[in-house]
Amino acid sequence: MEEKYKGWFEGFSNVVSEQLGTTIRDEILEKCENCQKVSNDSEMAVCVKEVMDRFDRTVKDEDKRHIVMETLGNYCVQNILKTAGEVKEISEGVEDIVKNLNEKFDTEFVKLEGNIIHSTLNRCLCHWGVKETKVPISITYCHCSLGWMKTLFKTLLDKPVEVDLIQSVITGSDSCKFVIHLD
């Protein structure tokens, strides 16, 4: 397996082990035929689809699956929290945070409407290669991005927020949409 992809497997394996146990981890990962020799993003997408299908079948409790993936998203977002801190530092209020966040990332991916921030992304931004999928991947995977959003906005707003995942590109939609509740 290419070095680029090992981080995801290690992270997923560790979080599943910690939260659900090594027996469950082994049931999910040991027989993933498509994951043995991942060398590019397309192969990673096929592998992740297989892992998520096995994860969904093995762990029937949807909430437990979502918590695992949200935990991964919390780890994944760590590399941009410094940037989030910079945005927070120059912002005075939620309106400023939204404006400065969009400027920092040179795109309008968040929009404030009352007590809700809408985030729309026209492509999958996950750096693990899943955007190359040719067939839909389980929405379970996208709870990683939901966790990413929760941690990002908790950092920006200094308070926990609820985030809803509305749709995602890798499940067949034309965009990824999240709703961040400020109250």
N, C-alpha and C. Protein backbone atom coordinates (compact mmCIF):
# COMPACT_ATOMS: atom_id res chain seq x y z
N MET A 1 0.84 -1.18 0.00
CA MET A 1 0.00 0.00 0.00
C MET A 1 0.88 1.25 0.00
N GLU A 2 0.50 2.21 -0.83
CA GLU A 2 1.23 3.48 -0.89
C GLU A 2 1.19 4.18 0.48
N GLU A 3 2.26 4.83 0.81
CA GLU A 3 2.39 5.53 2.10
C GLU A 3 1.26 6.54 2.32
N LYS A 4 0.87 7.22 1.24
CA LYS A 4 -0.16 8.26 1.31
C LYS A 4 -1.44 7.77 1.99
N TYR A 5 -1.79 6.51 1.78
CA TYR A 5 -3.07 5.98 2.25
C TYR A 5 -3.00 5.30 3.61
N LYS A 6 -1.81 5.02 4.08
CA LYS A 6 -1.66 4.28 5.34
C LYS A 6 -2.25 5.03 6.53
N GLY A 7 -2.16 6.35 6.51
CA GLY A 7 -2.67 7.15 7.62
C GLY A 7 -4.15 6.93 7.88
N TRP A 8 -4.92 6.84 6.80
CA TRP A 8 -6.36 6.62 6.97
C TRP A 8 -6.62 5.26 7.62
N PHE A 9 -5.94 4.23 7.12
CA PHE A 9 -6.14 2.88 7.67
C PHE A 9 -5.73 2.81 9.13
N GLU A 10 -4.60 3.42 9.45
CA GLU A 10 -4.15 3.41 10.84
C GLU A 10 -5.14 4.15 11.73
N GLY A 11 -5.60 5.32 11.27
CA GLY A 11 -6.56 6.10 12.05
C GLY A 11 -7.86 5.35 12.24
N PHE A 12 -8.41 4.82 11.15
CA PHE A 12 -9.67 4.07 11.23
C PHE A 12 -9.51 2.86 12.14
N SER A 13 -8.44 2.13 11.96
CA SER A 13 -8.17 0.94 12.76
C SER A 13 -8.08 1.29 14.24
N ASN A 14 -7.34 2.34 14.56
CA ASN A 14 -7.17 2.75 15.96
C ASN A 14 -8.49 3.19 16.60
N VAL A 15 -9.26 4.00 15.88
CA VAL A 15 -10.51 4.50 16.45
C VAL A 15 -11.51 3.36 16.63
N VAL A 16 -11.62 2.48 15.64
CA VAL A 16 -12.53 1.34 15.78
C VAL A 16 -12.09 0.47 16.96
N SER A 17 -10.79 0.22 17.08
CA SER A 17 -10.28 -0.58 18.21
C SER A 17 -10.63 0.05 19.55
N GLU A 18 -10.39 1.36 19.66
CA GLU A 18 -10.65 2.07 20.92
C GLU A 18 -12.13 2.09 21.27
N GLN A 19 -12.98 2.32 20.28
CA GLN A 19 -14.39 2.52 20.56
C GLN A 19 -15.23 1.24 20.49
N LEU A 20 -14.82 0.29 19.64
CA LEU A 20 -15.65 -0.90 19.41
C LEU A 20 -14.93 -2.21 19.69
N GLY A 21 -13.61 -2.16 19.86
CA GLY A 21 -12.84 -3.36 20.16
C GLY A 21 -12.11 -3.93 18.96
N THR A 22 -11.09 -4.72 19.25
CA THR A 22 -10.25 -5.28 18.19
C THR A 22 -10.96 -6.38 17.39
N THR A 23 -11.89 -7.07 18.00
CA THR A 23 -12.62 -8.11 17.27
C THR A 23 -13.43 -7.49 16.13
N ILE A 24 -14.12 -6.41 16.42
CA ILE A 24 -14.90 -5.70 15.40
C ILE A 24 -13.96 -5.14 14.34
N ARG A 25 -12.86 -4.53 14.78
CA ARG A 25 -11.88 -4.00 13.83
C ARG A 25 -11.43 -5.09 12.86
N ASP A 26 -11.08 -6.24 13.40
CA ASP A 26 -10.60 -7.34 12.56
C ASP A 26 -11.68 -7.82 11.60
N GLU A 27 -12.92 -7.89 12.07
CA GLU A 27 -14.03 -8.31 11.19
C GLU A 27 -14.17 -7.37 10.00
N ILE A 28 -13.94 -6.11 10.24
CA ILE A 28 -14.11 -5.11 9.18
C ILE A 28 -12.91 -5.10 8.23
N LEU A 29 -11.71 -5.10 8.77
CA LEU A 29 -10.53 -4.84 7.95
C LEU A 29 -9.79 -6.06 7.41
N GLU A 30 -9.81 -7.18 8.11
CA GLU A 30 -8.95 -8.29 7.71
C GLU A 30 -9.27 -8.90 6.35
N LYS A 31 -10.50 -8.86 5.94
CA LYS A 31 -10.87 -9.52 4.69
C LYS A 31 -11.15 -8.54 3.55
N CYS A 32 -10.67 -7.33 3.66
CA CYS A 32 -10.90 -6.33 2.61
C CYS A 32 -9.94 -6.58 1.46
N GLU A 33 -10.40 -7.32 0.49
CA GLU A 33 -9.57 -7.72 -0.66
C GLU A 33 -9.05 -6.51 -1.43
N ASN A 34 -9.90 -5.50 -1.60
CA ASN A 34 -9.53 -4.34 -2.42
C ASN A 34 -8.56 -3.39 -1.73
N CYS A 35 -8.19 -3.68 -0.50
CA CYS A 35 -7.34 -2.76 0.25
C CYS A 35 -5.89 -3.22 0.37
N GLN A 36 -5.57 -4.34 -0.20
CA GLN A 36 -4.23 -4.90 -0.03
C GLN A 36 -3.15 -4.10 -0.74
N LYS A 37 -3.44 -3.61 -1.94
CA LYS A 37 -2.40 -2.95 -2.73
C LYS A 37 -2.88 -1.63 -3.30
N VAL A 38 -3.36 -0.76 -2.47
CA VAL A 38 -3.84 0.54 -2.92
C VAL A 38 -2.65 1.39 -3.35
N SER A 39 -2.69 1.86 -4.60
CA SER A 39 -1.57 2.66 -5.11
C SER A 39 -2.01 3.98 -5.73
N ASN A 40 -3.34 4.23 -5.81
CA ASN A 40 -3.81 5.50 -6.37
C ASN A 40 -5.19 5.82 -5.79
N ASP A 41 -5.68 7.01 -6.08
CA ASP A 41 -6.95 7.46 -5.50
C ASP A 41 -8.13 6.59 -5.93
N SER A 42 -8.15 6.15 -7.17
CA SER A 42 -9.26 5.30 -7.63
C SER A 42 -9.30 3.99 -6.85
N GLU A 43 -8.14 3.40 -6.63
CA GLU A 43 -8.08 2.16 -5.84
C GLU A 43 -8.47 2.42 -4.39
N MET A 44 -8.09 3.58 -3.87
CA MET A 44 -8.46 3.93 -2.50
C MET A 44 -9.97 4.07 -2.39
N ALA A 45 -10.61 4.66 -3.40
CA ALA A 45 -12.06 4.81 -3.38
C ALA A 45 -12.75 3.45 -3.34
N VAL A 46 -12.27 2.50 -4.13
CA VAL A 46 -12.83 1.14 -4.14
C VAL A 46 -12.63 0.49 -2.77
N CYS A 47 -11.45 0.67 -2.22
CA CYS A 47 -11.13 0.12 -0.91
C CYS A 47 -12.03 0.71 0.18
N VAL A 48 -12.17 2.03 0.20
CA VAL A 48 -12.99 2.68 1.22
C VAL A 48 -14.45 2.23 1.09
N LYS A 49 -14.93 2.09 -0.13
CA LYS A 49 -16.29 1.59 -0.33
C LYS A 49 -16.44 0.21 0.33
N GLU A 50 -15.46 -0.66 0.10
CA GLU A 50 -15.52 -2.00 0.69
C GLU A 50 -15.48 -1.92 2.23
N VAL A 51 -14.59 -1.10 2.76
CA VAL A 51 -14.48 -0.96 4.22
C VAL A 51 -15.79 -0.42 4.79
N MET A 52 -16.36 0.61 4.17
CA MET A 52 -17.61 1.18 4.68
C MET A 52 -18.77 0.19 4.57
N ASP A 53 -18.83 -0.57 3.48
CA ASP A 53 -19.87 -1.59 3.36
C ASP A 53 -19.74 -2.62 4.48
N ARG A 54 -18.52 -3.06 4.76
CA ARG A 54 -18.28 -4.03 5.83
C ARG A 54 -18.58 -3.40 7.20
N PHE A 55 -18.20 -2.14 7.38
CA PHE A 55 -18.46 -1.41 8.61
C PHE A 55 -19.97 -1.33 8.86
N ASP A 56 -20.74 -0.95 7.82
CA ASP A 56 -22.19 -0.84 7.95
C ASP A 56 -22.83 -2.19 8.29
N ARG A 57 -22.34 -3.26 7.67
CA ARG A 57 -22.90 -4.60 7.93
C ARG A 57 -22.52 -5.13 9.31
N THR A 58 -21.29 -4.85 9.72
CA THR A 58 -20.77 -5.40 10.98
C THR A 58 -21.29 -4.64 12.20
N VAL A 59 -21.31 -3.33 12.12
CA VAL A 59 -21.75 -2.49 13.24
C VAL A 59 -23.15 -1.97 12.91
N LYS A 60 -24.15 -2.64 13.42
CA LYS A 60 -25.54 -2.30 13.09
C LYS A 60 -25.98 -0.97 13.68
N ASP A 61 -25.38 -0.58 14.79
CA ASP A 61 -25.76 0.66 15.48
C ASP A 61 -25.18 1.86 14.71
N GLU A 62 -26.07 2.56 14.02
CA GLU A 62 -25.66 3.70 13.19
C GLU A 62 -24.95 4.77 14.02
N ASP A 63 -25.43 5.04 15.22
CA ASP A 63 -24.81 6.06 16.07
C ASP A 63 -23.35 5.71 16.37
N LYS A 64 -23.08 4.45 16.63
CA LYS A 64 -21.69 4.04 16.90
C LYS A 64 -20.81 4.25 15.67
N ARG A 65 -21.33 3.92 14.50
CA ARG A 65 -20.56 4.14 13.26
C ARG A 65 -20.28 5.62 13.07
N HIS A 66 -21.29 6.43 13.30
CA HIS A 66 -21.13 7.87 13.11
C HIS A 66 -20.10 8.44 14.09
N ILE A 67 -20.13 7.99 15.33
CA ILE A 67 -19.16 8.47 16.32
C ILE A 67 -17.74 8.11 15.91
N VAL A 68 -17.53 6.90 15.41
CA VAL A 68 -16.20 6.50 14.92
C VAL A 68 -15.75 7.46 13.83
N MET A 69 -16.61 7.70 12.85
CA MET A 69 -16.21 8.54 11.72
C MET A 69 -16.04 10.00 12.13
N GLU A 70 -16.88 10.49 13.03
CA GLU A 70 -16.72 11.86 13.51
C GLU A 70 -15.40 12.02 14.27
N THR A 71 -15.01 11.01 15.00
CA THR A 71 -13.72 11.03 15.69
C THR A 71 -12.59 11.14 14.68
N LEU A 72 -12.68 10.40 13.59
CA LEU A 72 -11.67 10.50 12.53
C LEU A 72 -11.63 11.92 11.96
N GLY A 73 -12.81 12.51 11.76
CA GLY A 73 -12.87 13.88 11.25
C GLY A 73 -12.22 14.87 12.18
N ASN A 74 -12.36 14.64 13.48
CA ASN A 74 -11.70 15.49 14.47
C ASN A 74 -10.18 15.42 14.31
N TYR A 75 -9.66 14.24 14.03
CA TYR A 75 -8.22 14.10 13.79
C TYR A 75 -7.82 14.78 12.48
N CYS A 76 -8.65 14.59 11.46
CA CYS A 76 -8.33 15.10 10.13
C CYS A 76 -8.27 16.64 10.09
N VAL A 77 -9.12 17.30 10.85
CA VAL A 77 -9.21 18.75 10.81
C VAL A 77 -8.03 19.43 11.52
N GLN A 78 -7.27 18.69 12.30
CA GLN A 78 -6.20 19.28 13.10
C GLN A 78 -5.22 20.11 12.28
N ASN A 79 -4.99 19.70 11.03
CA ASN A 79 -4.00 20.42 10.22
C ASN A 79 -4.47 21.80 9.76
N ILE A 80 -5.74 22.14 9.91
CA ILE A 80 -6.16 23.49 9.54
C ILE A 80 -6.64 24.32 10.74
N LEU A 81 -6.51 23.79 11.92
CA LEU A 81 -6.98 24.55 13.09
C LEU A 81 -6.14 25.80 13.33
N LYS A 82 -4.89 25.79 12.92
CA LYS A 82 -4.07 27.01 13.02
C LYS A 82 -4.68 28.11 12.14
N THR A 83 -5.07 27.73 10.93
CA THR A 83 -5.71 28.68 10.02
C THR A 83 -7.04 29.16 10.62
N ALA A 84 -7.79 28.25 11.22
CA ALA A 84 -9.06 28.63 11.86
C ALA A 84 -8.80 29.63 12.99
N GLY A 85 -7.74 29.41 13.74
CA GLY A 85 -7.37 30.34 14.81
C GLY A 85 -7.04 31.72 14.27
N GLU A 86 -6.37 31.76 13.12
CA GLU A 86 -6.06 33.04 12.48
C GLU A 86 -7.34 33.76 12.04
N VAL A 87 -8.28 33.01 11.49
CA VAL A 87 -9.57 33.59 11.08
C VAL A 87 -10.30 34.13 12.31
N LYS A 88 -10.33 33.36 13.36
CA LYS A 88 -11.00 33.76 14.60
C LYS A 88 -10.36 35.04 15.17
N GLU A 89 -9.05 35.09 15.12
CA GLU A 89 -8.30 36.23 15.68
C GLU A 89 -8.67 37.56 15.01
N ILE A 90 -8.91 37.54 13.71
CA ILE A 90 -9.20 38.78 12.98
C ILE A 90 -10.69 39.05 12.83
N SER A 91 -11.52 38.21 13.43
CA SER A 91 -12.97 38.32 13.26
C SER A 91 -13.65 38.87 14.50
N GLU A 92 -14.68 39.66 14.26
CA GLU A 92 -15.51 40.18 15.35
C GLU A 92 -16.93 39.71 15.11
N GLY A 93 -17.26 38.55 15.59
CA GLY A 93 -18.61 38.02 15.43
C GLY A 93 -18.72 37.00 14.31
N VAL A 94 -19.87 36.36 14.27
CA VAL A 94 -20.11 35.28 13.32
C VAL A 94 -20.05 35.76 11.88
N GLU A 95 -20.63 36.94 11.61
CA GLU A 95 -20.61 37.46 10.24
C GLU A 95 -19.18 37.59 9.73
N ASP A 96 -18.32 38.13 10.57
CA ASP A 96 -16.91 38.28 10.22
C ASP A 96 -16.23 36.93 10.02
N ILE A 97 -16.54 35.99 10.88
CA ILE A 97 -15.95 34.65 10.75
C ILE A 97 -16.30 34.06 9.39
N VAL A 98 -17.57 34.15 9.01
CA VAL A 98 -18.00 33.60 7.71
C VAL A 98 -17.28 34.31 6.57
N LYS A 99 -17.25 35.63 6.61
CA LYS A 99 -16.58 36.41 5.56
C LYS A 99 -15.09 36.06 5.49
N ASN A 100 -14.42 36.06 6.62
CA ASN A 100 -12.98 35.79 6.65
C ASN A 100 -12.64 34.35 6.30
N LEU A 101 -13.49 33.42 6.67
CA LEU A 101 -13.27 32.01 6.32
C LEU A 101 -13.36 31.83 4.80
N ASN A 102 -14.36 32.44 4.20
CA ASN A 102 -14.50 32.36 2.74
C ASN A 102 -13.31 33.02 2.04
N GLU A 103 -12.86 34.15 2.56
CA GLU A 103 -11.69 34.82 1.97
C GLU A 103 -10.43 33.97 2.13
N LYS A 104 -10.25 33.40 3.29
CA LYS A 104 -9.05 32.60 3.57
C LYS A 104 -8.95 31.40 2.62
N PHE A 105 -10.10 30.78 2.33
CA PHE A 105 -10.10 29.61 1.46
C PHE A 105 -10.44 29.96 0.02
N ASP A 106 -10.55 31.26 -0.27
CA ASP A 106 -10.73 31.77 -1.63
C ASP A 106 -11.94 31.15 -2.34
N THR A 107 -12.99 30.92 -1.59
CA THR A 107 -14.23 30.39 -2.15
C THR A 107 -15.36 30.64 -1.16
N GLU A 108 -16.56 30.78 -1.66
CA GLU A 108 -17.70 30.97 -0.76
C GLU A 108 -18.31 29.61 -0.45
N PHE A 109 -17.77 28.96 0.57
CA PHE A 109 -18.28 27.65 0.93
C PHE A 109 -19.12 27.68 2.20
N VAL A 110 -19.19 28.82 2.86
CA VAL A 110 -20.09 28.97 4.00
C VAL A 110 -20.91 30.24 3.83
N LYS A 111 -22.16 30.15 4.25
CA LYS A 111 -23.08 31.27 4.12
C LYS A 111 -23.94 31.33 5.38
N LEU A 112 -24.03 32.50 5.98
CA LEU A 112 -24.80 32.69 7.20
C LEU A 112 -26.23 33.09 6.86
N GLU A 113 -27.19 32.38 7.45
CA GLU A 113 -28.61 32.73 7.32
C GLU A 113 -29.23 32.60 8.70
N GLY A 114 -29.40 33.72 9.37
CA GLY A 114 -29.95 33.70 10.72
C GLY A 114 -29.00 33.01 11.67
N ASN A 115 -29.48 31.98 12.35
CA ASN A 115 -28.66 31.22 13.30
C ASN A 115 -28.11 29.94 12.70
N ILE A 116 -28.02 29.91 11.39
CA ILE A 116 -27.53 28.72 10.69
C ILE A 116 -26.46 29.12 9.69
N ILE A 117 -25.41 28.32 9.65
CA ILE A 117 -24.40 28.46 8.60
C ILE A 117 -24.59 27.29 7.65
N HIS A 118 -24.74 27.61 6.38
CA HIS A 118 -24.84 26.58 5.34
C HIS A 118 -23.47 26.44 4.70
N SER A 119 -23.03 25.22 4.55
CA SER A 119 -21.76 24.95 3.87
C SER A 119 -22.07 24.09 2.65
N THR A 120 -21.66 24.58 1.48
CA THR A 120 -21.86 23.84 0.24
C THR A 120 -20.53 23.74 -0.48
N LEU A 121 -20.17 22.52 -0.80
CA LEU A 121 -18.92 22.24 -1.52
C LEU A 121 -19.28 21.49 -2.80
N ASN A 122 -18.82 21.98 -3.93
CA ASN A 122 -19.19 21.39 -5.21
C ASN A 122 -18.39 20.15 -5.57
N ARG A 123 -17.49 19.76 -4.68
CA ARG A 123 -16.72 18.53 -4.90
C ARG A 123 -16.30 18.00 -3.53
N CYS A 124 -15.96 16.73 -3.51
CA CYS A 124 -15.47 16.12 -2.28
C CYS A 124 -14.06 16.63 -2.02
N LEU A 125 -13.83 17.15 -0.83
CA LEU A 125 -12.51 17.69 -0.49
C LEU A 125 -11.66 16.71 0.33
N CYS A 126 -12.18 15.54 0.58
CA CYS A 126 -11.43 14.55 1.34
C CYS A 126 -10.13 14.21 0.60
N HIS A 127 -9.02 14.31 1.29
CA HIS A 127 -7.72 14.09 0.64
C HIS A 127 -7.32 12.62 0.57
N TRP A 128 -8.21 11.71 0.97
CA TRP A 128 -7.88 10.28 0.95
C TRP A 128 -8.24 9.61 -0.36
N GLY A 129 -8.69 10.34 -1.36
CA GLY A 129 -8.91 9.77 -2.68
C GLY A 129 -10.31 9.30 -2.97
N VAL A 130 -11.22 9.38 -2.03
CA VAL A 130 -12.57 8.85 -2.24
C VAL A 130 -13.33 9.61 -3.33
N LYS A 131 -12.92 10.82 -3.63
CA LYS A 131 -13.61 11.59 -4.66
C LYS A 131 -13.52 10.93 -6.04
N GLU A 132 -12.62 9.99 -6.19
CA GLU A 132 -12.45 9.28 -7.46
C GLU A 132 -13.40 8.10 -7.61
N THR A 133 -14.32 7.94 -6.69
CA THR A 133 -15.23 6.79 -6.74
C THR A 133 -16.09 6.81 -8.00
N LYS A 134 -16.32 5.65 -8.54
CA LYS A 134 -17.19 5.49 -9.71
C LYS A 134 -18.59 5.04 -9.29
N VAL A 135 -18.71 4.57 -8.06
CA VAL A 135 -20.00 4.13 -7.51
C VAL A 135 -20.18 4.79 -6.14
N PRO A 136 -21.42 5.02 -5.73
CA PRO A 136 -21.64 5.66 -4.43
C PRO A 136 -21.02 4.89 -3.27
N ILE A 137 -20.48 5.65 -2.33
CA ILE A 137 -19.92 5.12 -1.09
C ILE A 137 -20.91 5.45 0.03
N SER A 138 -21.02 4.60 1.00
CA SER A 138 -21.94 4.78 2.12
C SER A 138 -21.79 6.16 2.76
N ILE A 139 -22.92 6.75 3.08
CA ILE A 139 -22.95 8.05 3.77
C ILE A 139 -22.22 7.98 5.11
N THR A 140 -22.06 6.79 5.65
CA THR A 140 -21.31 6.62 6.90
C THR A 140 -19.95 7.30 6.79
N TYR A 141 -19.28 7.14 5.65
CA TYR A 141 -17.95 7.72 5.47
C TYR A 141 -17.96 9.23 5.68
N CYS A 142 -19.01 9.88 5.21
CA CYS A 142 -19.07 11.35 5.24
C CYS A 142 -19.28 11.92 6.64
N HIS A 143 -19.53 11.06 7.61
CA HIS A 143 -19.58 11.55 8.98
C HIS A 143 -18.20 11.95 9.48
N CYS A 144 -17.18 11.55 8.77
CA CYS A 144 -15.84 12.05 9.03
C CYS A 144 -15.82 13.56 8.76
N SER A 145 -16.39 13.97 7.63
CA SER A 145 -16.47 15.39 7.30
C SER A 145 -17.38 16.14 8.27
N LEU A 146 -18.43 15.48 8.74
CA LEU A 146 -19.30 16.09 9.73
C LEU A 146 -18.51 16.38 11.01
N GLY A 147 -17.69 15.43 11.45
CA GLY A 147 -16.83 15.64 12.61
C GLY A 147 -15.83 16.76 12.38
N TRP A 148 -15.31 16.81 11.15
CA TRP A 148 -14.38 17.86 10.74
C TRP A 148 -15.04 19.22 10.91
N MET A 149 -16.29 19.34 10.40
CA MET A 149 -17.03 20.60 10.50
C MET A 149 -17.32 20.96 11.96
N LYS A 150 -17.71 19.98 12.76
CA LYS A 150 -17.99 20.25 14.18
C LYS A 150 -16.76 20.83 14.88
N THR A 151 -15.62 20.23 14.65
CA THR A 151 -14.39 20.69 15.31
C THR A 151 -13.97 22.06 14.78
N LEU A 152 -14.07 22.25 13.47
CA LEU A 152 -13.72 23.55 12.88
C LEU A 152 -14.56 24.66 13.49
N PHE A 153 -15.88 24.48 13.51
CA PHE A 153 -16.74 25.55 14.00
C PHE A 153 -16.73 25.68 15.52
N LYS A 154 -16.45 24.61 16.23
CA LYS A 154 -16.25 24.71 17.68
C LYS A 154 -15.03 25.59 17.95
N THR A 155 -13.99 25.42 17.16
CA THR A 155 -12.78 26.23 17.29
C THR A 155 -13.05 27.68 16.94
N LEU A 156 -13.76 27.91 15.85
CA LEU A 156 -14.04 29.27 15.40
C LEU A 156 -14.97 30.03 16.34
N LEU A 157 -15.93 29.32 16.92
CA LEU A 157 -16.97 29.96 17.72
C LEU A 157 -16.79 29.81 19.23
N ASP A 158 -15.79 29.04 19.64
CA ASP A 158 -15.54 28.79 21.07
C ASP A 158 -16.72 28.14 21.78
N LYS A 159 -17.46 27.31 21.05
CA LYS A 159 -18.57 26.58 21.67
C LYS A 159 -18.92 25.38 20.78
N PRO A 160 -19.43 24.33 21.40
CA PRO A 160 -19.85 23.17 20.59
C PRO A 160 -21.02 23.55 19.68
N VAL A 161 -21.06 22.97 18.51
CA VAL A 161 -22.15 23.21 17.57
C VAL A 161 -22.72 21.88 17.08
N GLU A 162 -23.96 21.91 16.69
CA GLU A 162 -24.57 20.75 16.04
C GLU A 162 -24.42 20.94 14.54
N VAL A 163 -24.09 19.87 13.85
CA VAL A 163 -23.93 19.92 12.40
C VAL A 163 -24.75 18.79 11.80
N ASP A 164 -25.49 19.12 10.74
CA ASP A 164 -26.24 18.11 10.00
C ASP A 164 -25.58 17.91 8.64
N LEU A 165 -25.45 16.67 8.25
CA LEU A 165 -24.98 16.30 6.92
C LEU A 165 -26.22 16.14 6.05
N ILE A 166 -26.35 16.96 5.04
CA ILE A 166 -27.54 16.95 4.18
C ILE A 166 -27.34 16.03 2.98
N GLN A 167 -26.20 16.15 2.32
CA GLN A 167 -25.92 15.31 1.15
C GLN A 167 -24.42 15.33 0.88
N SER A 168 -23.97 14.37 0.05
CA SER A 168 -22.54 14.34 -0.27
C SER A 168 -22.30 13.85 -1.69
N VAL A 169 -21.22 14.31 -2.24
CA VAL A 169 -20.82 13.97 -3.60
C VAL A 169 -20.58 12.47 -3.75
N ILE A 170 -19.88 11.87 -2.79
CA ILE A 170 -19.51 10.46 -2.96
C ILE A 170 -20.68 9.49 -2.80
N THR A 171 -21.83 10.02 -2.36
CA THR A 171 -23.02 9.17 -2.31
C THR A 171 -23.89 9.37 -3.55
N GLY A 172 -23.44 10.23 -4.46
CA GLY A 172 -24.15 10.44 -5.71
C GLY A 172 -24.76 11.81 -5.89
N SER A 173 -24.68 12.69 -4.91
CA SER A 173 -25.21 14.04 -5.04
C SER A 173 -24.24 14.92 -5.82
N ASP A 174 -24.73 16.08 -6.25
CA ASP A 174 -23.87 16.98 -7.03
C ASP A 174 -23.02 17.89 -6.15
N SER A 175 -23.27 17.88 -4.83
CA SER A 175 -22.47 18.69 -3.91
C SER A 175 -22.55 18.09 -2.51
N CYS A 176 -21.64 18.54 -1.66
CA CYS A 176 -21.68 18.20 -0.24
C CYS A 176 -22.32 19.38 0.48
N LYS A 177 -23.32 19.10 1.30
CA LYS A 177 -24.00 20.18 2.02
C LYS A 177 -24.09 19.82 3.50
N PHE A 178 -23.74 20.83 4.30
CA PHE A 178 -23.81 20.71 5.75
C PHE A 178 -24.57 21.92 6.29
N VAL A 179 -25.25 21.72 7.41
CA VAL A 179 -25.91 22.81 8.12
C VAL A 179 -25.31 22.86 9.51
N ILE A 180 -24.77 24.04 9.87
CA ILE A 180 -24.16 24.24 11.18
C ILE A 180 -25.12 25.10 12.00
N HIS A 181 -25.62 24.56 13.10
CA HIS A 181 -26.58 25.25 13.95
C HIS A 181 -25.82 26.04 15.02
N LEU A 182 -26.09 27.33 15.09
CA LEU A 182 -25.38 28.19 16.03
C LEU A 182 -26.03 28.23 17.40
N ASP A 183 -27.28 27.83 17.50
CA ASP A 183 -27.98 27.79 18.80
C ASP A 183 -28.32 26.38 19.17
